[in-house]
Every structure is written in C-alpha cells, then in structure tokens.
mmCIF file of all heavy atoms, coordinates in Angstrom:
data_MODEL
# 
_entry.id   MODEL 
# 
loop_
_atom_site.group_PDB 
_atom_site.id 
_atom_site.type_symbol 
_atom_site.label_atom_id 
_atom_site.label_alt_id 
_atom_site.label_comp_id 
_atom_site.label_asym_id 
_atom_site.label_entity_id 
_atom_site.label_seq_id 
_atom_site.pdbx_PDB_ins_code 
_atom_site.Cartn_x 
_atom_site.Cartn_y 
_atom_site.Cartn_z 
_atom_site.occupancy 
_atom_site.B_iso_or_equiv 
_atom_site.pdbx_formal_charge 
_atom_site.auth_seq_id 
_atom_site.auth_comp_id 
_atom_site.auth_asym_id 
_atom_site.auth_atom_id 
_atom_site.pdbx_PDB_model_num 
ATOM 1   N N   . LYS A 1 1  ? -15.717 3.785   5.244  1.00 0.00 ? 1  LYS A N   1 
ATOM 2   C CA  . LYS A 1 1  ? -15.077 4.105   6.507  1.00 0.00 ? 1  LYS A CA  1 
ATOM 3   C C   . LYS A 1 1  ? -14.524 2.843   7.157  1.00 0.00 ? 1  LYS A C   1 
ATOM 4   O O   . LYS A 1 1  ? -15.091 1.761   7.038  1.00 0.00 ? 1  LYS A O   1 
ATOM 5   C CB  . LYS A 1 1  ? -16.068 4.786   7.450  1.00 0.00 ? 1  LYS A CB  1 
ATOM 6   C CG  . LYS A 1 1  ? -16.519 6.158   6.970  1.00 0.00 ? 1  LYS A CG  1 
ATOM 7   C CD  . LYS A 1 1  ? -17.461 6.798   7.977  1.00 0.00 ? 1  LYS A CD  1 
ATOM 8   C CE  . LYS A 1 1  ? -17.896 8.184   7.508  1.00 0.00 ? 1  LYS A CE  1 
ATOM 9   N NZ  . LYS A 1 1  ? -18.848 8.816   8.465  1.00 0.00 ? 1  LYS A NZ  1 
ATOM 10  N N   . GLU A 1 2  ? -13.403 3.010   7.851  1.00 0.00 ? 2  GLU A N   1 
ATOM 11  C CA  . GLU A 1 2  ? -12.764 1.865   8.494  1.00 0.00 ? 2  GLU A CA  1 
ATOM 12  C C   . GLU A 1 2  ? -13.635 1.311   9.616  1.00 0.00 ? 2  GLU A C   1 
ATOM 13  O O   . GLU A 1 2  ? -14.238 2.061   10.389 1.00 0.00 ? 2  GLU A O   1 
ATOM 14  C CB  . GLU A 1 2  ? -11.399 2.289   9.052  1.00 0.00 ? 2  GLU A CB  1 
ATOM 15  C CG  . GLU A 1 2  ? -10.571 1.122   9.570  1.00 0.00 ? 2  GLU A CG  1 
ATOM 16  C CD  . GLU A 1 2  ? -9.163  1.546   9.958  1.00 0.00 ? 2  GLU A CD  1 
ATOM 17  O OE1 . GLU A 1 2  ? -8.644  2.504   9.344  1.00 0.00 ? 2  GLU A OE1 1 
ATOM 18  O OE2 . GLU A 1 2  ? -8.588  0.937   10.888 1.00 0.00 ? 2  GLU A OE2 1 
ATOM 19  N N   . LEU A 1 3  ? -13.739 -0.006  9.686  1.00 0.00 ? 3  LEU A N   1 
ATOM 20  C CA  . LEU A 1 3  ? -14.530 -0.669  10.714 1.00 0.00 ? 3  LEU A CA  1 
ATOM 21  C C   . LEU A 1 3  ? -13.655 -0.889  11.947 1.00 0.00 ? 3  LEU A C   1 
ATOM 22  O O   . LEU A 1 3  ? -12.664 -1.616  11.884 1.00 0.00 ? 3  LEU A O   1 
ATOM 23  C CB  . LEU A 1 3  ? -15.034 -2.023  10.200 1.00 0.00 ? 3  LEU A CB  1 
ATOM 24  C CG  . LEU A 1 3  ? -15.798 -2.902  11.201 1.00 0.00 ? 3  LEU A CG  1 
ATOM 25  C CD1 . LEU A 1 3  ? -17.129 -2.255  11.553 1.00 0.00 ? 3  LEU A CD1 1 
ATOM 26  C CD2 . LEU A 1 3  ? -16.022 -4.302  10.635 1.00 0.00 ? 3  LEU A CD2 1 
ATOM 27  N N   . PRO A 1 4  ? -14.011 -0.254  13.077 1.00 0.00 ? 4  PRO A N   1 
ATOM 28  C CA  . PRO A 1 4  ? -13.189 -0.420  14.277 1.00 0.00 ? 4  PRO A CA  1 
ATOM 29  C C   . PRO A 1 4  ? -13.427 -1.773  14.928 1.00 0.00 ? 4  PRO A C   1 
ATOM 30  O O   . PRO A 1 4  ? -14.545 -2.281  14.939 1.00 0.00 ? 4  PRO A O   1 
ATOM 31  C CB  . PRO A 1 4  ? -13.671 0.718   15.184 1.00 0.00 ? 4  PRO A CB  1 
ATOM 32  C CG  . PRO A 1 4  ? -15.090 0.943   14.773 1.00 0.00 ? 4  PRO A CG  1 
ATOM 33  C CD  . PRO A 1 4  ? -15.150 0.655   13.299 1.00 0.00 ? 4  PRO A CD  1 
ATOM 34  N N   . TYR A 1 5  ? -12.366 -2.370  15.458 1.00 0.00 ? 5  TYR A N   1 
ATOM 35  C CA  . TYR A 1 5  ? -12.505 -3.629  16.179 1.00 0.00 ? 5  TYR A CA  1 
ATOM 36  C C   . TYR A 1 5  ? -11.366 -3.759  17.177 1.00 0.00 ? 5  TYR A C   1 
ATOM 37  O O   . TYR A 1 5  ? -10.321 -3.110  17.059 1.00 0.00 ? 5  TYR A O   1 
ATOM 38  C CB  . TYR A 1 5  ? -12.535 -4.817  15.213 1.00 0.00 ? 5  TYR A CB  1 
ATOM 39  C CG  . TYR A 1 5  ? -11.259 -5.024  14.425 1.00 0.00 ? 5  TYR A CG  1 
ATOM 40  C CD1 . TYR A 1 5  ? -10.250 -5.856  14.907 1.00 0.00 ? 5  TYR A CD1 1 
ATOM 41  C CD2 . TYR A 1 5  ? -11.062 -4.402  13.203 1.00 0.00 ? 5  TYR A CD2 1 
ATOM 42  C CE1 . TYR A 1 5  ? -9.078  -6.043  14.193 1.00 0.00 ? 5  TYR A CE1 1 
ATOM 43  C CE2 . TYR A 1 5  ? -9.906  -4.583  12.481 1.00 0.00 ? 5  TYR A CE2 1 
ATOM 44  C CZ  . TYR A 1 5  ? -8.913  -5.409  12.972 1.00 0.00 ? 5  TYR A CZ  1 
ATOM 45  O OH  . TYR A 1 5  ? -7.752  -5.583  12.265 1.00 0.00 ? 5  TYR A OH  1 
ATOM 46  N N   . LEU A 1 6  ? -11.582 -4.604  18.182 1.00 0.00 ? 6  LEU A N   1 
ATOM 47  C CA  . LEU A 1 6  ? -10.614 -4.755  19.255 1.00 0.00 ? 6  LEU A CA  1 
ATOM 48  C C   . LEU A 1 6  ? -9.721  -5.979  19.062 1.00 0.00 ? 6  LEU A C   1 
ATOM 49  O O   . LEU A 1 6  ? -8.743  -6.152  19.791 1.00 0.00 ? 6  LEU A O   1 
ATOM 50  C CB  . LEU A 1 6  ? -11.335 -4.878  20.608 1.00 0.00 ? 6  LEU A CB  1 
ATOM 51  C CG  . LEU A 1 6  ? -12.042 -3.632  21.152 1.00 0.00 ? 6  LEU A CG  1 
ATOM 52  C CD1 . LEU A 1 6  ? -13.339 -3.361  20.410 1.00 0.00 ? 6  LEU A CD1 1 
ATOM 53  C CD2 . LEU A 1 6  ? -12.326 -3.774  22.619 1.00 0.00 ? 6  LEU A CD2 1 
ATOM 54  N N   . GLY A 1 7  ? -10.058 -6.833  18.148 1.00 0.00 ? 7  GLY A N   1 
ATOM 55  C CA  . GLY A 1 7  ? -9.345  -8.078  17.918 1.00 0.00 ? 7  GLY A CA  1 
ATOM 56  C C   . GLY A 1 7  ? -10.359 -9.132  17.515 1.00 0.00 ? 7  GLY A C   1 
ATOM 57  O O   . GLY A 1 7  ? -11.455 -8.811  17.054 1.00 0.00 ? 7  GLY A O   1 
ATOM 58  N N   . TYR A 1 8  ? -9.998  -10.390 17.702 1.00 0.00 ? 8  TYR A N   1 
ATOM 59  C CA  . TYR A 1 8  ? -10.950 -11.452 17.378 1.00 0.00 ? 8  TYR A CA  1 
ATOM 60  C C   . TYR A 1 8  ? -10.881 -12.542 18.433 1.00 0.00 ? 8  TYR A C   1 
ATOM 61  O O   . TYR A 1 8  ? -9.934  -12.616 19.239 1.00 0.00 ? 8  TYR A O   1 
ATOM 62  C CB  . TYR A 1 8  ? -10.672 -12.038 15.987 1.00 0.00 ? 8  TYR A CB  1 
ATOM 63  C CG  . TYR A 1 8  ? -9.482  -12.969 15.914 1.00 0.00 ? 8  TYR A CG  1 
ATOM 64  C CD1 . TYR A 1 8  ? -9.637  -14.352 15.996 1.00 0.00 ? 8  TYR A CD1 1 
ATOM 65  C CD2 . TYR A 1 8  ? -8.190  -12.469 15.753 1.00 0.00 ? 8  TYR A CD2 1 
ATOM 66  C CE1 . TYR A 1 8  ? -8.557  -15.211 15.924 1.00 0.00 ? 8  TYR A CE1 1 
ATOM 67  C CE2 . TYR A 1 8  ? -7.097  -13.321 15.684 1.00 0.00 ? 8  TYR A CE2 1 
ATOM 68  C CZ  . TYR A 1 8  ? -7.282  -14.691 15.765 1.00 0.00 ? 8  TYR A CZ  1 
ATOM 69  O OH  . TYR A 1 8  ? -6.197  -15.536 15.707 1.00 0.00 ? 8  TYR A OH  1 
ATOM 70  N N   . ILE A 1 9  ? -11.910 -13.384 18.440 1.00 0.00 ? 9  ILE A N   1 
ATOM 71  C CA  . ILE A 1 9  ? -11.950 -14.537 19.330 1.00 0.00 ? 9  ILE A CA  1 
ATOM 72  C C   . ILE A 1 9  ? -12.216 -15.785 18.500 1.00 0.00 ? 9  ILE A C   1 
ATOM 73  O O   . ILE A 1 9  ? -12.726 -15.703 17.378 1.00 0.00 ? 9  ILE A O   1 
ATOM 74  C CB  . ILE A 1 9  ? -13.055 -14.404 20.408 1.00 0.00 ? 9  ILE A CB  1 
ATOM 75  C CG1 . ILE A 1 9  ? -14.444 -14.331 19.746 1.00 0.00 ? 9  ILE A CG1 1 
ATOM 76  C CG2 . ILE A 1 9  ? -12.801 -13.210 21.309 1.00 0.00 ? 9  ILE A CG2 1 
ATOM 77  C CD1 . ILE A 1 9  ? -15.601 -14.450 20.714 1.00 0.00 ? 9  ILE A CD1 1 
ATOM 78  N N   . GLU A 1 10 ? -11.836 -16.926 19.033 1.00 0.00 ? 10 GLU A N   1 
ATOM 79  C CA  . GLU A 1 10 ? -12.210 -18.204 18.431 1.00 0.00 ? 10 GLU A CA  1 
ATOM 80  C C   . GLU A 1 10 ? -13.531 -18.613 19.063 1.00 0.00 ? 10 GLU A C   1 
ATOM 81  O O   . GLU A 1 10 ? -13.587 -18.961 20.242 1.00 0.00 ? 10 GLU A O   1 
ATOM 82  C CB  . GLU A 1 10 ? -11.130 -19.260 18.682 1.00 0.00 ? 10 GLU A CB  1 
ATOM 83  C CG  . GLU A 1 10 ? -9.833  -19.006 17.935 1.00 0.00 ? 10 GLU A CG  1 
ATOM 84  C CD  . GLU A 1 10 ? -9.970  -19.203 16.423 1.00 0.00 ? 10 GLU A CD  1 
ATOM 85  O OE1 . GLU A 1 10 ? -10.959 -19.836 15.998 1.00 0.00 ? 10 GLU A OE1 1 
ATOM 86  O OE2 . GLU A 1 10 ? -9.111  -18.717 15.677 1.00 0.00 ? 10 GLU A OE2 1 
ATOM 87  N N   . ALA A 1 11 ? -14.604 -18.543 18.301 1.00 0.00 ? 11 ALA A N   1 
ATOM 88  C CA  . ALA A 1 11 ? -15.950 -18.769 18.843 1.00 0.00 ? 11 ALA A CA  1 
ATOM 89  C C   . ALA A 1 11 ? -16.594 -20.004 18.226 1.00 0.00 ? 11 ALA A C   1 
ATOM 90  O O   . ALA A 1 11 ? -16.206 -20.453 17.148 1.00 0.00 ? 11 ALA A O   1 
ATOM 91  C CB  . ALA A 1 11 ? -16.825 -17.550 18.584 1.00 0.00 ? 11 ALA A CB  1 
ATOM 92  N N   . THR A 1 12 ? -17.588 -20.520 18.933 1.00 0.00 ? 12 THR A N   1 
ATOM 93  C CA  . THR A 1 12 ? -18.427 -21.590 18.389 1.00 0.00 ? 12 THR A CA  1 
ATOM 94  C C   . THR A 1 12 ? -19.821 -21.017 18.142 1.00 0.00 ? 12 THR A C   1 
ATOM 95  O O   . THR A 1 12 ? -20.356 -20.283 18.967 1.00 0.00 ? 12 THR A O   1 
ATOM 96  C CB  . THR A 1 12 ? -18.534 -22.788 19.351 1.00 0.00 ? 12 THR A CB  1 
ATOM 97  O OG1 . THR A 1 12 ? -19.044 -22.347 20.619 1.00 0.00 ? 12 THR A OG1 1 
ATOM 98  C CG2 . THR A 1 12 ? -17.181 -23.441 19.540 1.00 0.00 ? 12 THR A CG2 1 
ATOM 99  N N   . ILE A 1 13 ? -20.360 -21.314 16.978 1.00 0.00 ? 13 ILE A N   1 
ATOM 100 C CA  . ILE A 1 13 ? -21.682 -20.830 16.587 1.00 0.00 ? 13 ILE A CA  1 
ATOM 101 C C   . ILE A 1 13 ? -22.518 -22.013 16.125 1.00 0.00 ? 13 ILE A C   1 
ATOM 102 O O   . ILE A 1 13 ? -22.021 -22.887 15.400 1.00 0.00 ? 13 ILE A O   1 
ATOM 103 C CB  . ILE A 1 13 ? -21.589 -19.773 15.475 1.00 0.00 ? 13 ILE A CB  1 
ATOM 104 C CG1 . ILE A 1 13 ? -20.883 -18.510 15.990 1.00 0.00 ? 13 ILE A CG1 1 
ATOM 105 C CG2 . ILE A 1 13 ? -22.968 -19.424 14.921 1.00 0.00 ? 13 ILE A CG2 1 
ATOM 106 C CD1 . ILE A 1 13 ? -20.683 -17.450 14.936 1.00 0.00 ? 13 ILE A CD1 1 
ATOM 107 N N   . GLN A 1 14 ? -23.764 -22.022 16.549 1.00 0.00 ? 14 GLN A N   1 
ATOM 108 C CA  . GLN A 1 14 ? -24.671 -23.095 16.140 1.00 0.00 ? 14 GLN A CA  1 
ATOM 109 C C   . GLN A 1 14 ? -26.034 -22.505 15.800 1.00 0.00 ? 14 GLN A C   1 
ATOM 110 O O   . GLN A 1 14 ? -26.628 -21.798 16.603 1.00 0.00 ? 14 GLN A O   1 
ATOM 111 C CB  . GLN A 1 14 ? -24.811 -24.128 17.258 1.00 0.00 ? 14 GLN A CB  1 
ATOM 112 C CG  . GLN A 1 14 ? -25.686 -25.312 16.900 1.00 0.00 ? 14 GLN A CG  1 
ATOM 113 C CD  . GLN A 1 14 ? -25.799 -26.293 18.054 1.00 0.00 ? 14 GLN A CD  1 
ATOM 114 O OE1 . GLN A 1 14 ? -24.950 -26.314 18.939 1.00 0.00 ? 14 GLN A OE1 1 
ATOM 115 N NE2 . GLN A 1 14 ? -26.849 -27.087 18.052 1.00 0.00 ? 14 GLN A NE2 1 
ATOM 116 N N   . ALA A 1 15 ? -26.486 -22.769 14.582 1.00 0.00 ? 15 ALA A N   1 
ATOM 117 C CA  . ALA A 1 15 ? -27.849 -22.407 14.205 1.00 0.00 ? 15 ALA A CA  1 
ATOM 118 C C   . ALA A 1 15 ? -28.771 -23.491 14.748 1.00 0.00 ? 15 ALA A C   1 
ATOM 119 O O   . ALA A 1 15 ? -28.475 -24.681 14.632 1.00 0.00 ? 15 ALA A O   1 
ATOM 120 C CB  . ALA A 1 15 ? -27.980 -22.304 12.689 1.00 0.00 ? 15 ALA A CB  1 
ATOM 121 N N   . GLU A 1 16 ? -29.883 -23.094 15.343 1.00 0.00 ? 16 GLU A N   1 
ATOM 122 C CA  . GLU A 1 16 ? -30.742 -24.057 16.032 1.00 0.00 ? 16 GLU A CA  1 
ATOM 123 C C   . GLU A 1 16 ? -31.277 -25.146 15.103 1.00 0.00 ? 16 GLU A C   1 
ATOM 124 O O   . GLU A 1 16 ? -31.469 -26.282 15.531 1.00 0.00 ? 16 GLU A O   1 
ATOM 125 C CB  . GLU A 1 16 ? -31.893 -23.322 16.723 1.00 0.00 ? 16 GLU A CB  1 
ATOM 126 C CG  . GLU A 1 16 ? -31.444 -22.467 17.888 1.00 0.00 ? 16 GLU A CG  1 
ATOM 127 C CD  . GLU A 1 16 ? -32.610 -21.866 18.651 1.00 0.00 ? 16 GLU A CD  1 
ATOM 128 O OE1 . GLU A 1 16 ? -33.346 -21.066 18.042 1.00 0.00 ? 16 GLU A OE1 1 
ATOM 129 O OE2 . GLU A 1 16 ? -32.764 -22.211 19.829 1.00 0.00 ? 16 GLU A OE2 1 
ATOM 130 N N   . PHE A 1 17 ? -31.497 -24.829 13.828 1.00 0.00 ? 17 PHE A N   1 
ATOM 131 C CA  . PHE A 1 17 ? -32.043 -25.825 12.916 1.00 0.00 ? 17 PHE A CA  1 
ATOM 132 C C   . PHE A 1 17 ? -30.993 -26.845 12.469 1.00 0.00 ? 17 PHE A C   1 
ATOM 133 O O   . PHE A 1 17 ? -31.308 -27.836 11.820 1.00 0.00 ? 17 PHE A O   1 
ATOM 134 C CB  . PHE A 1 17 ? -32.656 -25.150 11.682 1.00 0.00 ? 17 PHE A CB  1 
ATOM 135 C CG  . PHE A 1 17 ? -31.679 -24.315 10.879 1.00 0.00 ? 17 PHE A CG  1 
ATOM 136 C CD1 . PHE A 1 17 ? -30.956 -24.857 9.842  1.00 0.00 ? 17 PHE A CD1 1 
ATOM 137 C CD2 . PHE A 1 17 ? -31.494 -22.974 11.183 1.00 0.00 ? 17 PHE A CD2 1 
ATOM 138 C CE1 . PHE A 1 17 ? -30.070 -24.098 9.105  1.00 0.00 ? 17 PHE A CE1 1 
ATOM 139 C CE2 . PHE A 1 17 ? -30.614 -22.196 10.458 1.00 0.00 ? 17 PHE A CE2 1 
ATOM 140 C CZ  . PHE A 1 17 ? -29.896 -22.759 9.420  1.00 0.00 ? 17 PHE A CZ  1 
ATOM 141 N N   . LEU A 1 18 ? -29.718 -26.609 12.827 1.00 0.00 ? 18 LEU A N   1 
ATOM 142 C CA  . LEU A 1 18 ? -28.655 -27.551 12.470 1.00 0.00 ? 18 LEU A CA  1 
ATOM 143 C C   . LEU A 1 18 ? -28.337 -28.516 13.609 1.00 0.00 ? 18 LEU A C   1 
ATOM 144 O O   . LEU A 1 18 ? -27.389 -29.293 13.523 1.00 0.00 ? 18 LEU A O   1 
ATOM 145 C CB  . LEU A 1 18 ? -27.384 -26.791 12.067 1.00 0.00 ? 18 LEU A CB  1 
ATOM 146 C CG  . LEU A 1 18 ? -27.469 -26.048 10.733 1.00 0.00 ? 18 LEU A CG  1 
ATOM 147 C CD1 . LEU A 1 18 ? -26.188 -25.279 10.461 1.00 0.00 ? 18 LEU A CD1 1 
ATOM 148 C CD2 . LEU A 1 18 ? -27.739 -27.026 9.595  1.00 0.00 ? 18 LEU A CD2 1 
ATOM 149 N N   . PHE A 1 19 ? -29.082 -28.437 14.700 1.00 0.00 ? 19 PHE A N   1 
ATOM 150 C CA  . PHE A 1 19 ? -28.961 -29.358 15.823 1.00 0.00 ? 19 PHE A CA  1 
ATOM 151 C C   . PHE A 1 19 ? -27.531 -29.374 16.370 1.00 0.00 ? 19 PHE A C   1 
ATOM 152 O O   . PHE A 1 19 ? -27.070 -28.385 16.907 1.00 0.00 ? 19 PHE A O   1 
ATOM 153 C CB  . PHE A 1 19 ? -29.449 -30.762 15.417 1.00 0.00 ? 19 PHE A CB  1 
ATOM 154 C CG  . PHE A 1 19 ? -30.836 -30.759 14.858 1.00 0.00 ? 19 PHE A CG  1 
ATOM 155 C CD1 . PHE A 1 19 ? -31.050 -30.928 13.507 1.00 0.00 ? 19 PHE A CD1 1 
ATOM 156 C CD2 . PHE A 1 19 ? -31.930 -30.529 15.682 1.00 0.00 ? 19 PHE A CD2 1 
ATOM 157 C CE1 . PHE A 1 19 ? -32.339 -30.889 12.981 1.00 0.00 ? 19 PHE A CE1 1 
ATOM 158 C CE2 . PHE A 1 19 ? -33.217 -30.492 15.172 1.00 0.00 ? 19 PHE A CE2 1 
ATOM 159 C CZ  . PHE A 1 19 ? -33.415 -30.677 13.819 1.00 0.00 ? 19 PHE A CZ  1 
ATOM 160 N N   . ASP A 1 20 ? -26.801 -30.489 16.212 1.00 0.00 ? 20 ASP A N   1 
ATOM 161 C CA  . ASP A 1 20 ? -25.495 -30.627 16.852 1.00 0.00 ? 20 ASP A CA  1 
ATOM 162 C C   . ASP A 1 20 ? -24.330 -30.207 15.952 1.00 0.00 ? 20 ASP A C   1 
ATOM 163 O O   . ASP A 1 20 ? -23.172 -30.464 16.276 1.00 0.00 ? 20 ASP A O   1 
ATOM 164 C CB  . ASP A 1 20 ? -25.277 -32.076 17.307 1.00 0.00 ? 20 ASP A CB  1 
ATOM 165 C CG  . ASP A 1 20 ? -25.345 -33.064 16.146 1.00 0.00 ? 20 ASP A CG  1 
ATOM 166 O OD1 . ASP A 1 20 ? -25.843 -32.683 15.072 1.00 0.00 ? 20 ASP A OD1 1 
ATOM 167 O OD2 . ASP A 1 20 ? -24.896 -34.212 16.320 1.00 0.00 ? 20 ASP A OD2 1 
ATOM 168 N N   . LYS A 1 21 ? -24.619 -29.561 14.829 1.00 0.00 ? 21 LYS A N   1 
ATOM 169 C CA  . LYS A 1 21 ? -23.547 -29.167 13.899 1.00 0.00 ? 21 LYS A CA  1 
ATOM 170 C C   . LYS A 1 21 ? -22.971 -27.815 14.313 1.00 0.00 ? 21 LYS A C   1 
ATOM 171 O O   . LYS A 1 21 ? -23.369 -26.763 13.825 1.00 0.00 ? 21 LYS A O   1 
ATOM 172 C CB  . LYS A 1 21 ? -24.072 -29.130 12.468 1.00 0.00 ? 21 LYS A CB  1 
ATOM 173 C CG  . LYS A 1 21 ? -24.510 -30.506 11.962 1.00 0.00 ? 21 LYS A CG  1 
ATOM 174 C CD  . LYS A 1 21 ? -25.053 -30.444 10.548 1.00 0.00 ? 21 LYS A CD  1 
ATOM 175 C CE  . LYS A 1 21 ? -25.494 -31.818 10.075 1.00 0.00 ? 21 LYS A CE  1 
ATOM 176 N NZ  . LYS A 1 21 ? -26.073 -31.782 8.716  1.00 0.00 ? 21 LYS A NZ  1 
ATOM 177 N N   . GLU A 1 22 ? -22.022 -27.860 15.227 1.00 0.00 ? 22 GLU A N   1 
ATOM 178 C CA  . GLU A 1 22 ? -21.401 -26.645 15.753 1.00 0.00 ? 22 GLU A CA  1 
ATOM 179 C C   . GLU A 1 22 ? -20.286 -26.187 14.817 1.00 0.00 ? 22 GLU A C   1 
ATOM 180 O O   . GLU A 1 22 ? -19.561 -27.001 14.250 1.00 0.00 ? 22 GLU A O   1 
ATOM 181 C CB  . GLU A 1 22 ? -20.834 -26.940 17.144 1.00 0.00 ? 22 GLU A CB  1 
ATOM 182 C CG  . GLU A 1 22 ? -20.508 -25.722 17.963 1.00 0.00 ? 22 GLU A CG  1 
ATOM 183 C CD  . GLU A 1 22 ? -20.106 -26.097 19.379 1.00 0.00 ? 22 GLU A CD  1 
ATOM 184 O OE1 . GLU A 1 22 ? -19.024 -26.695 19.542 1.00 0.00 ? 22 GLU A OE1 1 
ATOM 185 O OE2 . GLU A 1 22 ? -20.877 -25.821 20.318 1.00 0.00 ? 22 GLU A OE2 1 
ATOM 186 N N   . ILE A 1 23 ? -20.151 -24.870 14.658 1.00 0.00 ? 23 ILE A N   1 
ATOM 187 C CA  . ILE A 1 23 ? -19.143 -24.292 13.769 1.00 0.00 ? 23 ILE A CA  1 
ATOM 188 C C   . ILE A 1 23 ? -18.128 -23.527 14.610 1.00 0.00 ? 23 ILE A C   1 
ATOM 189 O O   . ILE A 1 23 ? -18.505 -22.714 15.452 1.00 0.00 ? 23 ILE A O   1 
ATOM 190 C CB  . ILE A 1 23 ? -19.801 -23.339 12.749 1.00 0.00 ? 23 ILE A CB  1 
ATOM 191 C CG1 . ILE A 1 23 ? -20.827 -24.086 11.895 1.00 0.00 ? 23 ILE A CG1 1 
ATOM 192 C CG2 . ILE A 1 23 ? -18.746 -22.676 11.876 1.00 0.00 ? 23 ILE A CG2 1 
ATOM 193 C CD1 . ILE A 1 23 ? -21.717 -23.161 11.093 1.00 0.00 ? 23 ILE A CD1 1 
ATOM 194 N N   . SER A 1 24 ? -16.857 -23.784 14.390 1.00 0.00 ? 24 SER A N   1 
ATOM 195 C CA  . SER A 1 24 ? -15.795 -23.016 15.040 1.00 0.00 ? 24 SER A CA  1 
ATOM 196 C C   . SER A 1 24 ? -15.270 -22.006 14.028 1.00 0.00 ? 24 SER A C   1 
ATOM 197 O O   . SER A 1 24 ? -14.860 -22.381 12.918 1.00 0.00 ? 24 SER A O   1 
ATOM 198 C CB  . SER A 1 24 ? -14.663 -23.928 15.514 1.00 0.00 ? 24 SER A CB  1 
ATOM 199 O OG  . SER A 1 24 ? -15.122 -24.811 16.509 1.00 0.00 ? 24 SER A OG  1 
ATOM 200 N N   . VAL A 1 25 ? -15.273 -20.731 14.404 1.00 0.00 ? 25 VAL A N   1 
ATOM 201 C CA  . VAL A 1 25 ? -14.937 -19.687 13.439 1.00 0.00 ? 25 VAL A CA  1 
ATOM 202 C C   . VAL A 1 25 ? -14.359 -18.475 14.164 1.00 0.00 ? 25 VAL A C   1 
ATOM 203 O O   . VAL A 1 25 ? -14.750 -18.179 15.301 1.00 0.00 ? 25 VAL A O   1 
ATOM 204 C CB  . VAL A 1 25 ? -16.210 -19.287 12.639 1.00 0.00 ? 25 VAL A CB  1 
ATOM 205 C CG1 . VAL A 1 25 ? -17.243 -18.659 13.543 1.00 0.00 ? 25 VAL A CG1 1 
ATOM 206 C CG2 . VAL A 1 25 ? -15.885 -18.372 11.483 1.00 0.00 ? 25 VAL A CG2 1 
ATOM 207 N N   . PRO A 1 26 ? -13.398 -17.749 13.559 1.00 0.00 ? 26 PRO A N   1 
ATOM 208 C CA  . PRO A 1 26 ? -12.930 -16.492 14.155 1.00 0.00 ? 26 PRO A CA  1 
ATOM 209 C C   . PRO A 1 26 ? -13.995 -15.416 14.026 1.00 0.00 ? 26 PRO A C   1 
ATOM 210 O O   . PRO A 1 26 ? -14.620 -15.261 12.974 1.00 0.00 ? 26 PRO A O   1 
ATOM 211 C CB  . PRO A 1 26 ? -11.678 -16.154 13.335 1.00 0.00 ? 26 PRO A CB  1 
ATOM 212 C CG  . PRO A 1 26 ? -11.844 -16.889 12.054 1.00 0.00 ? 26 PRO A CG  1 
ATOM 213 C CD  . PRO A 1 26 ? -12.646 -18.114 12.346 1.00 0.00 ? 26 PRO A CD  1 
ATOM 214 N N   . VAL A 1 27 ? -14.211 -14.669 15.111 1.00 0.00 ? 27 VAL A N   1 
ATOM 215 C CA  . VAL A 1 27 ? -15.245 -13.627 15.155 1.00 0.00 ? 27 VAL A CA  1 
ATOM 216 C C   . VAL A 1 27 ? -14.609 -12.328 15.637 1.00 0.00 ? 27 VAL A C   1 
ATOM 217 O O   . VAL A 1 27 ? -13.909 -12.315 16.653 1.00 0.00 ? 27 VAL A O   1 
ATOM 218 C CB  . VAL A 1 27 ? -16.394 -14.034 16.107 1.00 0.00 ? 27 VAL A CB  1 
ATOM 219 C CG1 . VAL A 1 27 ? -17.385 -12.895 16.280 1.00 0.00 ? 27 VAL A CG1 1 
ATOM 220 C CG2 . VAL A 1 27 ? -17.105 -15.280 15.590 1.00 0.00 ? 27 VAL A CG2 1 
ATOM 221 N N   . LEU A 1 28 ? -14.852 -11.247 14.909 1.00 0.00 ? 28 LEU A N   1 
ATOM 222 C CA  . LEU A 1 28 ? -14.312 -9.947  15.303 1.00 0.00 ? 28 LEU A CA  1 
ATOM 223 C C   . LEU A 1 28 ? -15.064 -9.390  16.508 1.00 0.00 ? 28 LEU A C   1 
ATOM 224 O O   . LEU A 1 28 ? -16.287 -9.499  16.586 1.00 0.00 ? 28 LEU A O   1 
ATOM 225 C CB  . LEU A 1 28 ? -14.420 -8.948  14.153 1.00 0.00 ? 28 LEU A CB  1 
ATOM 226 C CG  . LEU A 1 28 ? -13.436 -9.070  12.983 1.00 0.00 ? 28 LEU A CG  1 
ATOM 227 C CD1 . LEU A 1 28 ? -13.694 -7.962  11.979 1.00 0.00 ? 28 LEU A CD1 1 
ATOM 228 C CD2 . LEU A 1 28 ? -11.993 -9.010  13.470 1.00 0.00 ? 28 LEU A CD2 1 
ATOM 229 N N   . VAL A 1 29 ? -14.317 -8.787  17.424 1.00 0.00 ? 29 VAL A N   1 
ATOM 230 C CA  . VAL A 1 29 ? -14.914 -8.109  18.575 1.00 0.00 ? 29 VAL A CA  1 
ATOM 231 C C   . VAL A 1 29 ? -14.974 -6.618  18.248 1.00 0.00 ? 29 VAL A C   1 
ATOM 232 O O   . VAL A 1 29 ? -13.947 -6.006  17.935 1.00 0.00 ? 29 VAL A O   1 
ATOM 233 C CB  . VAL A 1 29 ? -14.088 -8.337  19.854 1.00 0.00 ? 29 VAL A CB  1 
ATOM 234 C CG1 . VAL A 1 29 ? -14.752 -7.653  21.040 1.00 0.00 ? 29 VAL A CG1 1 
ATOM 235 C CG2 . VAL A 1 29 ? -13.918 -9.833  20.112 1.00 0.00 ? 29 VAL A CG2 1 
# 
C-alpha cells in the first residue's frame, strides 16, 4: 500500500552515543 506523506523537511538527527556527530538528512513528514 502507498505510504502517505505531506512532504519532507531538512532535519538534524543525533544519536546520543555519537556525542557531537550531528547528521543532516531529509525526513518525510
């Protein structure tokens, strides 16, 4: 089945165990 979404955002994600290694990635809304 088709996955509904409204668009995407440019987000920053950081896993706590990676400390200051922030990731910039497109994320579906």
